[in-house]
Amino acid sequence: MNKNFVSLALVFFGICFVFGSFYISEALTKISYNLQSDTISYTENPNDWELIVVNERDLILFNSENGQYWIKDIEKNGASIDWEKGILPEF
């Protein structure tokens, strides 16, 4: 085969691989952000949310306006689970 053709083909496939990887990563990012978008309430004032660090492994995101809170546990290996909605007790 012609060496120029092989070189051109490798460059073309490399460019396709880079653009394809970027396209797939953008699509996965949009999908992951849309998973819980309807479960988190929207507030006019972004200062209503407080990040509370309980210890090295537990995080709480608390909304002082309506009392809603989300909990996240970070495992020892650095992996974290998804945010879970906390349930407030009835008073």
C-alpha atoms as a PDB file:
ATOM      1  CA  MET A   1       0.000   0.000   0.000  1.00  0.00           C
ATOM      2  CA  ASN A   2       0.947   3.573  -0.446  1.00  0.00           C
ATOM      3  CA  LYS A   3       2.541   5.005   2.742  1.00  0.00           C
ATOM      4  CA  ASN A   4       0.823   8.358   2.228  1.00  0.00           C
ATOM      5  CA  PHE A   5      -2.575   6.674   2.050  1.00  0.00           C
ATOM      6  CA  VAL A   6      -1.955   4.741   5.271  1.00  0.00           C
ATOM      7  CA  SER A   7      -0.759   7.879   7.050  1.00  0.00           C
ATOM      8  CA  LEU A   8      -3.782   9.856   5.857  1.00  0.00           C
ATOM      9  CA  ALA A   9      -6.126   7.051   6.941  1.00  0.00           C
ATOM     10  CA  LEU A  10      -4.562   6.927  10.437  1.00  0.00           C
ATOM     11  CA  VAL A  11      -4.865  10.703  10.829  1.00  0.00           C
ATOM     12  CA  PHE A  12      -8.499  10.564   9.676  1.00  0.00           C
ATOM     13  CA  PHE A  13      -9.366   7.783  12.131  1.00  0.00           C
ATOM     14  CA  GLY A  14      -7.578   9.635  14.922  1.00  0.00           C
ATOM     15  CA  ILE A  15      -9.601  12.793  14.264  1.00  0.00           C
ATOM     16  CA  CYS A  16     -12.819  10.746  14.134  1.00  0.00           C
ATOM     17  CA  PHE A  17     -11.906   9.089  17.436  1.00  0.00           C
ATOM     18  CA  VAL A  18     -11.269  12.437  19.168  1.00  0.00           C
ATOM     19  CA  PHE A  19     -14.507  14.012  17.923  1.00  0.00           C
ATOM     20  CA  GLY A  20     -16.482  10.862  18.692  1.00  0.00           C
ATOM     21  CA  SER A  21     -15.122  10.726  22.247  1.00  0.00           C
ATOM     22  CA  PHE A  22     -16.009  14.365  22.797  1.00  0.00           C
ATOM     23  CA  TYR A  23     -19.527  13.854  21.433  1.00  0.00           C
ATOM     24  CA  ILE A  24     -20.149  10.791  23.610  1.00  0.00           C
ATOM     25  CA  SER A  25     -18.811  12.478  26.759  1.00  0.00           C
ATOM     26  CA  GLU A  26     -21.061  15.510  26.184  1.00  0.00           C
ATOM     27  CA  ALA A  27     -24.083  13.250  25.687  1.00  0.00           C
ATOM     28  CA  LEU A  28     -23.335  11.285  28.856  1.00  0.00           C
ATOM     29  CA  THR A  29     -22.875  14.509  30.814  1.00  0.00           C
ATOM     30  CA  LYS A  30     -26.286  15.789  29.692  1.00  0.00           C
ATOM     31  CA  ILE A  31     -27.901  12.469  30.570  1.00  0.00           C
ATOM     32  CA  SER A  32     -26.352  12.387  34.055  1.00  0.00           C
ATOM     33  CA  TYR A  33     -27.450  15.961  34.841  1.00  0.00           C
ATOM     34  CA  ASN A  34     -31.001  15.235  33.706  1.00  0.00           C
ATOM     35  CA  LEU A  35     -31.430  12.187  35.945  1.00  0.00           C
ATOM     36  CA  GLN A  36     -32.387  14.111  39.083  1.00  0.00           C
ATOM     37  CA  SER A  37     -33.332  17.511  37.674  1.00  0.00           C
ATOM     38  CA  ASP A  38     -37.026  17.121  38.498  1.00  0.00           C
ATOM     39  CA  THR A  39     -36.472  15.970  42.087  1.00  0.00           C
ATOM     40  CA  ILE A  40     -34.557  19.021  43.349  1.00  0.00           C
ATOM     41  CA  SER A  41     -36.700  22.043  44.082  1.00  0.00           C
ATOM     42  CA  TYR A  42     -35.820  25.421  42.611  1.00  0.00           C
ATOM     43  CA  THR A  43     -35.542  28.462  44.839  1.00  0.00           C
ATOM     44  CA  GLU A  44     -35.214  32.119  43.893  1.00  0.00           C
ATOM     45  CA  ASN A  45     -32.433  32.728  46.407  1.00  0.00           C
ATOM     46  CA  PRO A  46     -29.351  30.513  45.943  1.00  0.00           C
ATOM     47  CA  ASN A  47     -28.286  31.402  49.504  1.00  0.00           C
ATOM     48  CA  ASP A  48     -31.100  29.195  50.826  1.00  0.00           C
ATOM     49  CA  TRP A  49     -28.899  26.123  50.327  1.00  0.00           C
ATOM     50  CA  GLU A  50     -26.192  25.297  52.884  1.00  0.00           C
ATOM     51  CA  LEU A  51     -23.490  22.646  52.524  1.00  0.00           C
ATOM     52  CA  ILE A  52     -22.943  20.980  55.904  1.00  0.00           C
ATOM     53  CA  VAL A  53     -19.886  18.755  56.312  1.00  0.00           C
ATOM     54  CA  VAL A  54     -20.742  16.317  59.107  1.00  0.00           C
ATOM     55  CA  ASN A  55     -17.437  14.436  59.031  1.00  0.00           C
ATOM     56  CA  GLU A  56     -14.928  13.266  56.422  1.00  0.00           C
ATOM     57  CA  ARG A  57     -17.477  10.949  54.809  1.00  0.00           C
ATOM     58  CA  ASP A  58     -20.904  12.584  55.121  1.00  0.00           C
ATOM     59  CA  LEU A  59     -22.232  15.694  53.399  1.00  0.00           C
ATOM     60  CA  ILE A  60     -25.628  17.332  53.809  1.00  0.00           C
ATOM     61  CA  LEU A  61     -27.109  19.915  51.450  1.00  0.00           C
ATOM     62  CA  PHE A  62     -29.826  21.736  53.418  1.00  0.00           C
ATOM     63  CA  ASN A  63     -32.461  24.181  52.155  1.00  0.00           C
ATOM     64  CA  SER A  64     -33.268  26.596  54.953  1.00  0.00           C
ATOM     65  CA  GLU A  65     -36.338  27.943  53.130  1.00  0.00           C
ATOM     66  CA  ASN A  66     -38.393  24.750  52.962  1.00  0.00           C
ATOM     67  CA  GLY A  67     -36.408  22.313  55.182  1.00  0.00           C
ATOM     68  CA  GLN A  68     -35.556  19.955  52.326  1.00  0.00           C
ATOM     69  CA  TYR A  69     -32.173  18.230  52.585  1.00  0.00           C
ATOM     70  CA  TRP A  70     -30.011  15.825  50.596  1.00  0.00           C
ATOM     71  CA  ILE A  71     -27.398  13.425  52.022  1.00  0.00           C
ATOM     72  CA  LYS A  72     -24.266  12.044  50.331  1.00  0.00           C
ATOM     73  CA  ASP A  73     -21.944   9.429  51.831  1.00  0.00           C
ATOM     74  CA  ILE A  74     -18.386   9.275  50.479  1.00  0.00           C
ATOM     75  CA  GLU A  75     -16.872   5.806  50.749  1.00  0.00           C
ATOM     76  CA  LYS A  76     -13.351   5.215  52.056  1.00  0.00           C
ATOM     77  CA  ASN A  77     -11.979   4.417  48.587  1.00  0.00           C
ATOM     78  CA  GLY A  78     -13.027   7.885  47.373  1.00  0.00           C
ATOM     79  CA  ALA A  79     -16.092   6.737  45.466  1.00  0.00           C
ATOM     80  CA  SER A  80     -19.338   8.430  46.337  1.00  0.00           C
ATOM     81  CA  ILE A  81     -22.912   7.312  46.044  1.00  0.00           C
ATOM     82  CA  ASP A  82     -25.697   9.446  44.613  1.00  0.00           C
ATOM     83  CA  TRP A  83     -27.404  12.131  46.636  1.00  0.00           C
ATOM     84  CA  GLU A  84     -30.345  10.763  48.642  1.00  0.00           C
ATOM     85  CA  LYS A  85     -33.268  12.919  49.695  1.00  0.00           C
ATOM     86  CA  GLY A  86     -33.679  13.088  53.454  1.00  0.00           C
ATOM     87  CA  ILE A  87     -37.086  12.802  55.089  1.00  0.00           C
ATOM     88  CA  LEU A  88     -37.895  15.288  57.796  1.00  0.00           C
ATOM     89  CA  PRO A  89     -39.873  14.017  60.789  1.00  0.00           C
ATOM     90  CA  GLU A  90     -43.380  15.367  61.314  1.00  0.00           C
ATOM     91  CA  PHE A  91     -43.758  17.711  64.288  1.00  0.00           C
END
